[in-house]
Amino acid sequence: MKLRIATYNIHKGVSSLRSMPRIHALKQALASMEADILFLQEVQGRHDKYATRHASLWPEQAQHQFLAGESHQAVYGMNAIYDHGHHGNALLSRFPVVSASNRDVSDHAFESRGILHCVVQTPAGDVHCYVVHLGLFARSRRRQTEALIEAVTTSSPPDAPVIIAGDFNDWTNQLSDSLRAELGVTEVFDENLPSRGFGAYLRTLAGRGPKLKPARTFPAALPWLRLDRIYVRGFEVETAQVLHGPLWARLSDHAPIVASLSMNAMALAEAM
């Protein structure tokens, strides 16, 4: 079975420079990805000030519902709550979502963070999906990564197909090794090495070859920092790319990642 997925920090549906609503253009851009499952961060569940100030540009629906439209089911995990609204993570799925839960992993009072876990019922079986947005401080991210590992370990079978995607804010790439070692995942850009032979890949994992590096996704106009990731278990990565350029720079400060996956035989058997 093949899946097309995407992860995207949508910057609450407003432009990164002038904070103008971009939610309608964003919906068109998401549709152009033709993704079966979208992992979204900074989704505005409610914002009374924008709804009043930009009534003609701001949908009456919550952003996750508006972006899902008729083609996808939307699940929202509320993280940050304030007087005029709230925002969080969301998962949009072309397939039924049979269960969902949101775990608070906030590390201090100044940042509200969460892990949204959804079980998606695909034609090949259940896939455990985790939408992640980690904190801005290194110590917070380490503790939140530990919480992520514990969440995946306790909420999904050890051999179940897993997708973990989102904004990790891990520009120094300190967290990937722990996720690989503890959860058996790979990042969708892990195979983009100078030498793509299997031996070179094993040497890299053992620390004797080129360091595995995620893609650059921030800022969207000219990506330099490696903030956004997609980790998978039980899938083969067919393609992975960062979408960037003038169009995407107008929509958010992050560039989205789109990947095409195929479920491997062992995971297919487990999912069934």
C-alpha atoms as a PDB file:
ATOM      1  CA  MET A   1       0.000   0.000   0.000  1.00  0.00           C
ATOM      2  CA  LYS A   2       1.188   3.502  -0.847  1.00  0.00           C
ATOM      3  CA  LEU A   3       0.621   6.635   1.227  1.00  0.00           C
ATOM      4  CA  ARG A   4       1.304  10.256   0.405  1.00  0.00           C
ATOM      5  CA  ILE A   5       1.811  12.349   3.523  1.00  0.00           C
ATOM      6  CA  ALA A   6       2.841  15.892   4.423  1.00  0.00           C
ATOM      7  CA  THR A   7       3.876  17.871   7.485  1.00  0.00           C
ATOM      8  CA  TYR A   8       3.451  21.634   7.682  1.00  0.00           C
ATOM      9  CA  ASN A   9       3.624  24.341  10.329  1.00  0.00           C
ATOM     10  CA  ILE A  10       0.964  26.672   8.916  1.00  0.00           C
ATOM     11  CA  HIS A  11       1.782  29.689  11.144  1.00  0.00           C
ATOM     12  CA  LYS A  12      -1.849  29.965  12.310  1.00  0.00           C
ATOM     13  CA  GLY A  13      -3.047  30.672   8.781  1.00  0.00           C
ATOM     14  CA  VAL A  14      -1.479  34.137   8.565  1.00  0.00           C
ATOM     15  CA  SER A  15       1.489  35.449   6.607  1.00  0.00           C
ATOM     16  CA  SER A  16       4.808  35.529   8.409  1.00  0.00           C
ATOM     17  CA  LEU A  17       5.579  39.178   7.552  1.00  0.00           C
ATOM     18  CA  ARG A  18       2.381  41.198   7.914  1.00  0.00           C
ATOM     19  CA  SER A  19       0.178  38.683   9.755  1.00  0.00           C
ATOM     20  CA  MET A  20      -2.456  38.834   7.015  1.00  0.00           C
ATOM     21  CA  PRO A  21      -4.883  35.912   6.676  1.00  0.00           C
ATOM     22  CA  ARG A  22      -3.760  33.342   4.119  1.00  0.00           C
ATOM     23  CA  ILE A  23      -6.124  30.547   5.045  1.00  0.00           C
ATOM     24  CA  HIS A  24      -7.971  30.363   1.693  1.00  0.00           C
ATOM     25  CA  ALA A  25      -4.727  30.250  -0.290  1.00  0.00           C
ATOM     26  CA  LEU A  26      -3.413  27.745   2.215  1.00  0.00           C
ATOM     27  CA  LYS A  27      -6.367  25.446   1.590  1.00  0.00           C
ATOM     28  CA  GLN A  28      -5.619  25.501  -2.154  1.00  0.00           C
ATOM     29  CA  ALA A  29      -1.940  24.812  -1.504  1.00  0.00           C
ATOM     30  CA  LEU A  30      -2.729  21.853   0.749  1.00  0.00           C
ATOM     31  CA  ALA A  31      -5.061  20.421  -1.888  1.00  0.00           C
ATOM     32  CA  SER A  32      -2.263  20.643  -4.472  1.00  0.00           C
ATOM     33  CA  MET A  33      -0.135  18.297  -2.331  1.00  0.00           C
ATOM     34  CA  GLU A  34      -2.677  15.490  -2.896  1.00  0.00           C
ATOM     35  CA  ALA A  35      -1.722  14.054   0.490  1.00  0.00           C
ATOM     36  CA  ASP A  36      -3.669  11.231   2.109  1.00  0.00           C
ATOM     37  CA  ILE A  37      -2.625  12.345   5.598  1.00  0.00           C
ATOM     38  CA  LEU A  38      -1.486  15.821   6.652  1.00  0.00           C
ATOM     39  CA  PHE A  39       0.283  16.575   9.936  1.00  0.00           C
ATOM     40  CA  LEU A  40      -0.303  20.259  10.742  1.00  0.00           C
ATOM     41  CA  GLN A  41       1.084  22.478  13.497  1.00  0.00           C
ATOM     42  CA  GLU A  42       0.042  25.955  14.710  1.00  0.00           C
ATOM     43  CA  VAL A  43      -3.536  25.394  13.622  1.00  0.00           C
ATOM     44  CA  GLN A  44      -5.900  28.095  14.872  1.00  0.00           C
ATOM     45  CA  GLY A  45      -8.947  26.503  16.424  1.00  0.00           C
ATOM     46  CA  ARG A  46     -10.368  29.929  17.293  1.00  0.00           C
ATOM     47  CA  HIS A  47      -9.181  33.537  17.089  1.00  0.00           C
ATOM     48  CA  ASP A  48     -11.855  36.111  17.842  1.00  0.00           C
ATOM     49  CA  LYS A  49      -9.667  39.112  16.949  1.00  0.00           C
ATOM     50  CA  TYR A  50      -8.821  37.887  13.431  1.00  0.00           C
ATOM     51  CA  ALA A  51     -12.425  36.779  12.889  1.00  0.00           C
ATOM     52  CA  THR A  52     -13.617  40.314  13.698  1.00  0.00           C
ATOM     53  CA  ARG A  53     -10.832  42.276  11.979  1.00  0.00           C
ATOM     54  CA  HIS A  54     -10.772  40.189   8.790  1.00  0.00           C
ATOM     55  CA  ALA A  55     -14.333  38.913   8.561  1.00  0.00           C
ATOM     56  CA  SER A  56     -14.265  38.415   4.774  1.00  0.00           C
ATOM     57  CA  LEU A  57     -10.926  36.546   4.854  1.00  0.00           C
ATOM     58  CA  TRP A  58     -11.432  34.431   7.974  1.00  0.00           C
ATOM     59  CA  PRO A  59     -13.612  31.296   7.712  1.00  0.00           C
ATOM     60  CA  GLU A  60     -16.428  30.728  10.196  1.00  0.00           C
ATOM     61  CA  GLN A  61     -15.189  27.172  10.750  1.00  0.00           C
ATOM     62  CA  ALA A  62     -12.170  26.282  12.838  1.00  0.00           C
ATOM     63  CA  GLN A  63      -9.087  26.059  10.620  1.00  0.00           C
ATOM     64  CA  HIS A  64      -8.744  22.279  10.832  1.00  0.00           C
ATOM     65  CA  GLN A  65     -12.356  21.825   9.716  1.00  0.00           C
ATOM     66  CA  PHE A  66     -12.057  24.416   6.956  1.00  0.00           C
ATOM     67  CA  LEU A  67      -8.818  22.930   5.604  1.00  0.00           C
ATOM     68  CA  ALA A  68     -10.172  19.369   5.708  1.00  0.00           C
ATOM     69  CA  GLY A  69     -13.177  20.247   3.569  1.00  0.00           C
ATOM     70  CA  GLU A  70     -15.169  17.303   2.249  1.00  0.00           C
ATOM     71  CA  SER A  71     -12.189  15.157   1.314  1.00  0.00           C
ATOM     72  CA  HIS A  72     -10.530  14.600   4.710  1.00  0.00           C
ATOM     73  CA  GLN A  73     -11.482  13.933   8.304  1.00  0.00           C
ATOM     74  CA  ALA A  74     -10.023  16.444  10.767  1.00  0.00           C
ATOM     75  CA  VAL A  75      -8.799  15.851  14.316  1.00  0.00           C
ATOM     76  CA  TYR A  76      -7.607  18.759  16.463  1.00  0.00           C
ATOM     77  CA  GLY A  77      -5.404  18.743  19.542  1.00  0.00           C
ATOM     78  CA  MET A  78      -5.792  21.996  21.477  1.00  0.00           C
ATOM     79  CA  ASN A  79      -2.531  23.097  23.118  1.00  0.00           C
ATOM     80  CA  ALA A  80      -2.413  26.870  23.733  1.00  0.00           C
ATOM     81  CA  ILE A  81      -5.498  28.576  25.205  1.00  0.00           C
ATOM     82  CA  TYR A  82      -5.927  32.337  25.625  1.00  0.00           C
ATOM     83  CA  ASP A  83      -8.773  34.819  26.101  1.00  0.00           C
ATOM     84  CA  HIS A  84      -9.484  35.335  22.392  1.00  0.00           C
ATOM     85  CA  GLY A  85      -8.897  31.786  21.152  1.00  0.00           C
ATOM     86  CA  HIS A  86      -6.676  28.733  21.028  1.00  0.00           C
ATOM     87  CA  HIS A  87      -4.368  26.818  18.691  1.00  0.00           C
ATOM     88  CA  GLY A  88      -2.665  23.429  18.472  1.00  0.00           C
ATOM     89  CA  ASN A  89      -1.883  20.497  16.206  1.00  0.00           C
ATOM     90  CA  ALA A  90      -4.200  18.826  13.711  1.00  0.00           C
ATOM     91  CA  LEU A  91      -4.317  15.724  11.568  1.00  0.00           C
ATOM     92  CA  LEU A  92      -6.269  15.631   8.306  1.00  0.00           C
ATOM     93  CA  SER A  93      -6.881  12.140   6.929  1.00  0.00           C
ATOM     94  CA  ARG A  94      -8.473  10.828   3.769  1.00  0.00           C
ATOM     95  CA  PHE A  95      -9.024   7.572   5.684  1.00  0.00           C
ATOM     96  CA  PRO A  96     -11.150   7.082   8.835  1.00  0.00           C
ATOM     97  CA  VAL A  97      -9.587   8.042  12.159  1.00  0.00           C
ATOM     98  CA  VAL A  98     -10.718   5.366  14.608  1.00  0.00           C
ATOM     99  CA  SER A  99      -9.255   6.878  17.772  1.00  0.00           C
ATOM    100  CA  ALA A 100      -7.476  10.062  18.857  1.00  0.00           C
ATOM    101  CA  SER A 101      -5.900  11.514  21.991  1.00  0.00           C
ATOM    102  CA  ASN A 102      -3.902  14.625  22.786  1.00  0.00           C
ATOM    103  CA  ARG A 103      -1.069  14.561  25.342  1.00  0.00           C
ATOM    104  CA  ASP A 104       0.119  17.737  27.040  1.00  0.00           C
ATOM    105  CA  VAL A 105       3.933  17.871  27.000  1.00  0.00           C
ATOM    106  CA  SER A 106       4.307  21.530  27.987  1.00  0.00           C
ATOM    107  CA  ASP A 107       7.589  21.983  29.836  1.00  0.00           C
ATOM    108  CA  HIS A 108       7.034  25.452  31.298  1.00  0.00           C
ATOM    109  CA  ALA A 109       4.404  28.159  31.514  1.00  0.00           C
ATOM    110  CA  PHE A 110       5.553  30.114  28.447  1.00  0.00           C
ATOM    111  CA  GLU A 111       5.076  27.382  25.802  1.00  0.00           C
ATOM    112  CA  SER A 112       2.061  25.085  25.439  1.00  0.00           C
ATOM    113  CA  ARG A 113       2.989  21.948  23.515  1.00  0.00           C
ATOM    114  CA  GLY A 114       1.247  18.683  22.752  1.00  0.00           C
ATOM    115  CA  ILE A 115       1.454  15.334  20.964  1.00  0.00           C
ATOM    116  CA  LEU A 116      -1.658  14.406  18.976  1.00  0.00           C
ATOM    117  CA  HIS A 117      -1.978  10.634  18.493  1.00  0.00           C
ATOM    118  CA  CYS A 118      -4.429   9.309  15.891  1.00  0.00           C
ATOM    119  CA  VAL A 119      -5.006   5.755  14.716  1.00  0.00           C
ATOM    120  CA  VAL A 120      -5.818   5.914  11.009  1.00  0.00           C
ATOM    121  CA  GLN A 121      -7.645   2.985   9.426  1.00  0.00           C
ATOM    122  CA  THR A 122      -6.089   2.576   5.975  1.00  0.00           C
ATOM    123  CA  PRO A 123      -7.065  -0.121   3.450  1.00  0.00           C
ATOM    124  CA  ALA A 124      -3.944  -2.052   4.534  1.00  0.00           C
ATOM    125  CA  GLY A 125      -4.619  -1.748   8.279  1.00  0.00           C
ATOM    126  CA  ASP A 126      -4.149   0.691  11.140  1.00  0.00           C
ATOM    127  CA  VAL A 127      -1.356   3.271  11.108  1.00  0.00           C
ATOM    128  CA  HIS A 128      -0.392   5.125  14.300  1.00  0.00           C
ATOM    129  CA  CYS A 129       0.142   8.816  13.534  1.00  0.00           C
ATOM    130  CA  TYR A 130       1.700  11.340  15.922  1.00  0.00           C
ATOM    131  CA  VAL A 131       1.604  15.094  15.249  1.00  0.00           C
ATOM    132  CA  VAL A 132       4.396  16.856  17.141  1.00  0.00           C
ATOM    133  CA  HIS A 133       5.421  20.431  17.909  1.00  0.00           C
ATOM    134  CA  LEU A 134       8.334  20.664  20.337  1.00  0.00           C
ATOM    135  CA  GLY A 135       9.590  23.665  22.312  1.00  0.00           C
ATOM    136  CA  LEU A 136      12.138  26.358  21.553  1.00  0.00           C
ATOM    137  CA  PHE A 137      14.544  25.435  24.368  1.00  0.00           C
ATOM    138  CA  ALA A 138      16.938  22.473  24.123  1.00  0.00           C
ATOM    139  CA  ARG A 139      16.214  21.084  27.600  1.00  0.00           C
ATOM    140  CA  SER A 140      12.477  21.246  26.941  1.00  0.00           C
ATOM    141  CA  ARG A 141      12.901  19.419  23.636  1.00  0.00           C
ATOM    142  CA  ARG A 142      14.893  16.630  25.278  1.00  0.00           C
ATOM    143  CA  ARG A 143      12.217  16.101  27.914  1.00  0.00           C
ATOM    144  CA  GLN A 144       9.484  16.298  25.297  1.00  0.00           C
ATOM    145  CA  THR A 145      11.320  13.762  23.157  1.00  0.00           C
ATOM    146  CA  GLU A 146      11.414  11.416  26.143  1.00  0.00           C
ATOM    147  CA  ALA A 147       7.666  11.954  26.508  1.00  0.00           C
ATOM    148  CA  LEU A 148       7.206  11.232  22.797  1.00  0.00           C
ATOM    149  CA  ILE A 149       9.157   7.985  23.049  1.00  0.00           C
ATOM    150  CA  GLU A 150       7.071   6.956  26.064  1.00  0.00           C
ATOM    151  CA  ALA A 151       3.842   7.894  24.266  1.00  0.00           C
ATOM    152  CA  VAL A 152       4.666   5.869  21.154  1.00  0.00           C
ATOM    153  CA  THR A 153       5.890   2.903  23.201  1.00  0.00           C
ATOM    154  CA  THR A 154       2.777   2.735  25.360  1.00  0.00           C
ATOM    155  CA  SER A 155       0.125   3.593  22.753  1.00  0.00           C
ATOM    156  CA  SER A 156       1.158   1.469  19.753  1.00  0.00           C
ATOM    157  CA  PRO A 157       2.241  -2.176  19.351  1.00  0.00           C
ATOM    158  CA  PRO A 158       6.034  -2.587  18.982  1.00  0.00           C
ATOM    159  CA  ASP A 159       5.860  -3.582  15.306  1.00  0.00           C
ATOM    160  CA  ALA A 160       2.929  -1.402  14.261  1.00  0.00           C
ATOM    161  CA  PRO A 161       3.336   1.023  11.344  1.00  0.00           C
ATOM    162  CA  VAL A 162       4.125   4.459  12.783  1.00  0.00           C
ATOM    163  CA  ILE A 163       4.432   7.988  11.370  1.00  0.00           C
ATOM    164  CA  ILE A 164       5.736  10.792  13.587  1.00  0.00           C
ATOM    165  CA  ALA A 165       5.768  14.208  11.940  1.00  0.00           C
ATOM    166  CA  GLY A 166       5.895  17.854  12.828  1.00  0.00           C
ATOM    167  CA  ASP A 167       7.981  20.821  13.880  1.00  0.00           C
ATOM    168  CA  PHE A 168      10.741  19.562  16.180  1.00  0.00           C
ATOM    169  CA  ASN A 169      12.585  22.922  16.462  1.00  0.00           C
ATOM    170  CA  ASP A 170      15.724  20.770  16.632  1.00  0.00           C
ATOM    171  CA  TRP A 171      18.040  22.879  14.465  1.00  0.00           C
ATOM    172  CA  THR A 172      21.163  21.227  15.948  1.00  0.00           C
ATOM    173  CA  ASN A 173      19.823  17.734  15.136  1.00  0.00           C
ATOM    174  CA  GLN A 174      20.263  16.336  18.657  1.00  0.00           C
ATOM    175  CA  LEU A 175      17.074  14.261  18.903  1.00  0.00           C
ATOM    176  CA  SER A 176      17.053  11.938  15.897  1.00  0.00           C
ATOM    177  CA  ASP A 177      19.478   9.360  17.295  1.00  0.00           C
ATOM    178  CA  SER A 178      17.311   8.797  20.377  1.00  0.00           C
ATOM    179  CA  LEU A 179      14.188   8.329  18.268  1.00  0.00           C
ATOM    180  CA  ARG A 180      15.941   5.890  15.950  1.00  0.00           C
ATOM    181  CA  ALA A 181      17.398   3.863  18.818  1.00  0.00           C
ATOM    182  CA  GLU A 182      14.283   3.754  21.021  1.00  0.00           C
ATOM    183  CA  LEU A 183      11.517   3.500  18.429  1.00  0.00           C
ATOM    184  CA  GLY A 184      13.184   1.909  15.401  1.00  0.00           C
ATOM    185  CA  VAL A 185      12.181   4.784  13.123  1.00  0.00           C
ATOM    186  CA  THR A 186      13.971   6.387  10.204  1.00  0.00           C
ATOM    187  CA  GLU A 187      13.638   9.955   8.955  1.00  0.00           C
ATOM    188  CA  VAL A 188      12.442  10.349   5.381  1.00  0.00           C
ATOM    189  CA  PHE A 189      15.686  12.043   4.308  1.00  0.00           C
ATOM    190  CA  ASP A 190      17.993   9.502   5.996  1.00  0.00           C
ATOM    191  CA  GLU A 191      18.969   7.892   2.698  1.00  0.00           C
ATOM    192  CA  ASN A 192      20.073  11.164   1.066  1.00  0.00           C
ATOM    193  CA  LEU A 193      23.760  10.418   1.570  1.00  0.00           C
ATOM    194  CA  PRO A 194      26.732  10.916  -0.775  1.00  0.00           C
ATOM    195  CA  SER A 195      26.928   7.141  -1.133  1.00  0.00           C
ATOM    196  CA  ARG A 196      23.530   5.477  -1.014  1.00  0.00           C
ATOM    197  CA  GLY A 197      24.728   1.899  -0.706  1.00  0.00           C
ATOM    198  CA  PHE A 198      23.357  -0.149   2.170  1.00  0.00           C
ATOM    199  CA  GLY A 199      26.851  -0.563   3.631  1.00  0.00           C
ATOM    200  CA  ALA A 200      27.324   3.207   3.723  1.00  0.00           C
ATOM    201  CA  TYR A 201      23.956   3.568   5.425  1.00  0.00           C
ATOM    202  CA  LEU A 202      24.916   1.051   8.121  1.00  0.00           C
ATOM    203  CA  ARG A 203      28.249   2.809   8.683  1.00  0.00           C
ATOM    204  CA  THR A 204      26.386   6.089   9.100  1.00  0.00           C
ATOM    205  CA  LEU A 205      24.042   4.595  11.681  1.00  0.00           C
ATOM    206  CA  ALA A 206      27.075   3.251  13.538  1.00  0.00           C
ATOM    207  CA  GLY A 207      28.638   6.715  13.598  1.00  0.00           C
ATOM    208  CA  ARG A 208      31.402   5.895  11.099  1.00  0.00           C
ATOM    209  CA  GLY A 209      30.007   7.672   8.055  1.00  0.00           C
ATOM    210  CA  PRO A 210      28.363  10.956   7.017  1.00  0.00           C
ATOM    211  CA  LYS A 211      25.953  12.256   9.670  1.00  0.00           C
ATOM    212  CA  LEU A 212      22.301  11.799   8.801  1.00  0.00           C
ATOM    213  CA  LYS A 213      20.700  15.208   8.382  1.00  0.00           C
ATOM    214  CA  PRO A 214      17.049  16.190   7.986  1.00  0.00           C
ATOM    215  CA  ALA A 215      16.073  18.631   5.269  1.00  0.00           C
ATOM    216  CA  ARG A 216      16.230  22.412   5.607  1.00  0.00           C
ATOM    217  CA  THR A 217      12.726  23.855   6.037  1.00  0.00           C
ATOM    218  CA  PHE A 218      13.048  27.280   7.706  1.00  0.00           C
ATOM    219  CA  PRO A 219      12.603  30.036   6.715  1.00  0.00           C
ATOM    220  CA  ALA A 220      10.354  29.088   3.819  1.00  0.00           C
ATOM    221  CA  ALA A 221      11.731  31.719   1.427  1.00  0.00           C
ATOM    222  CA  LEU A 222      15.272  30.352   1.676  1.00  0.00           C
ATOM    223  CA  PRO A 223      15.338  27.295   3.961  1.00  0.00           C
ATOM    224  CA  TRP A 224      18.418  27.006   6.147  1.00  0.00           C
ATOM    225  CA  LEU A 225      17.437  25.484   9.500  1.00  0.00           C
ATOM    226  CA  ARG A 226      16.412  21.836   9.820  1.00  0.00           C
ATOM    227  CA  LEU A 227      13.278  22.118  11.960  1.00  0.00           C
ATOM    228  CA  ASP A 228      10.607  19.882  10.437  1.00  0.00           C
ATOM    229  CA  ARG A 229      10.749  16.085  10.266  1.00  0.00           C
ATOM    230  CA  ILE A 230       8.900  12.950   9.262  1.00  0.00           C
ATOM    231  CA  TYR A 231       9.932   9.738  11.033  1.00  0.00           C
ATOM    232  CA  VAL A 232       8.479   6.419   9.899  1.00  0.00           C
ATOM    233  CA  ARG A 233       8.489   2.786  10.972  1.00  0.00           C
ATOM    234  CA  GLY A 234       7.183  -0.018   8.801  1.00  0.00           C
ATOM    235  CA  PHE A 235       7.418   1.980   5.575  1.00  0.00           C
ATOM    236  CA  GLU A 236       9.775   2.332   2.658  1.00  0.00           C
ATOM    237  CA  VAL A 237      10.370   5.946   1.607  1.00  0.00           C
ATOM    238  CA  GLU A 238       9.859   6.301  -2.128  1.00  0.00           C
ATOM    239  CA  THR A 239      10.210  10.082  -2.423  1.00  0.00           C
ATOM    240  CA  ALA A 240      10.608  13.037  -0.059  1.00  0.00           C
ATOM    241  CA  GLN A 241      10.852  16.723  -0.892  1.00  0.00           C
ATOM    242  CA  VAL A 242      10.650  20.177   0.658  1.00  0.00           C
ATOM    243  CA  LEU A 243       8.276  22.605  -1.080  1.00  0.00           C
ATOM    244  CA  HIS A 244       9.740  26.090  -0.976  1.00  0.00           C
ATOM    245  CA  GLY A 245       9.856  29.267  -2.996  1.00  0.00           C
ATOM    246  CA  PRO A 246       7.788  32.479  -3.310  1.00  0.00           C
ATOM    247  CA  LEU A 247       4.383  30.741  -3.102  1.00  0.00           C
ATOM    248  CA  TRP A 248       5.184  28.912   0.117  1.00  0.00           C
ATOM    249  CA  ALA A 249       6.976  31.903   1.635  1.00  0.00           C
ATOM    250  CA  ARG A 250       3.725  33.881   1.373  1.00  0.00           C
ATOM    251  CA  LEU A 251       1.801  31.221   3.294  1.00  0.00           C
ATOM    252  CA  SER A 252       3.987  30.440   6.307  1.00  0.00           C
ATOM    253  CA  ASP A 253       7.468  30.857   7.738  1.00  0.00           C
ATOM    254  CA  HIS A 254       8.028  27.081   7.442  1.00  0.00           C
ATOM    255  CA  ALA A 255       8.264  25.070   4.231  1.00  0.00           C
ATOM    256  CA  PRO A 256       6.241  21.836   4.091  1.00  0.00           C
ATOM    257  CA  ILE A 257       7.657  18.352   3.584  1.00  0.00           C
ATOM    258  CA  VAL A 258       5.826  15.905   1.328  1.00  0.00           C
ATOM    259  CA  ALA A 259       6.725  12.204   1.189  1.00  0.00           C
ATOM    260  CA  SER A 260       5.463   9.136  -0.629  1.00  0.00           C
ATOM    261  CA  LEU A 261       5.612   5.909   1.386  1.00  0.00           C
ATOM    262  CA  SER A 262       4.919   2.243   0.776  1.00  0.00           C
ATOM    263  CA  MET A 263       4.165  -0.122   3.641  1.00  0.00           C
ATOM    264  CA  ASN A 264       6.730  -2.929   3.860  1.00  0.00           C
ATOM    265  CA  ALA A 265       5.692  -6.576   4.045  1.00  0.00           C
ATOM    266  CA  MET A 266       6.352  -7.049   7.768  1.00  0.00           C
ATOM    267  CA  ALA A 267       4.395  -3.960   8.745  1.00  0.00           C
ATOM    268  CA  LEU A 268       1.597  -4.922   6.370  1.00  0.00           C
ATOM    269  CA  ALA A 269       1.253  -8.257   8.128  1.00  0.00           C
ATOM    270  CA  GLU A 270       1.259  -6.531  11.551  1.00  0.00           C
ATOM    271  CA  ALA A 271      -1.322  -3.973  10.447  1.00  0.00           C
ATOM    272  CA  MET A 272      -3.648  -6.706   9.217  1.00  0.00           C
END
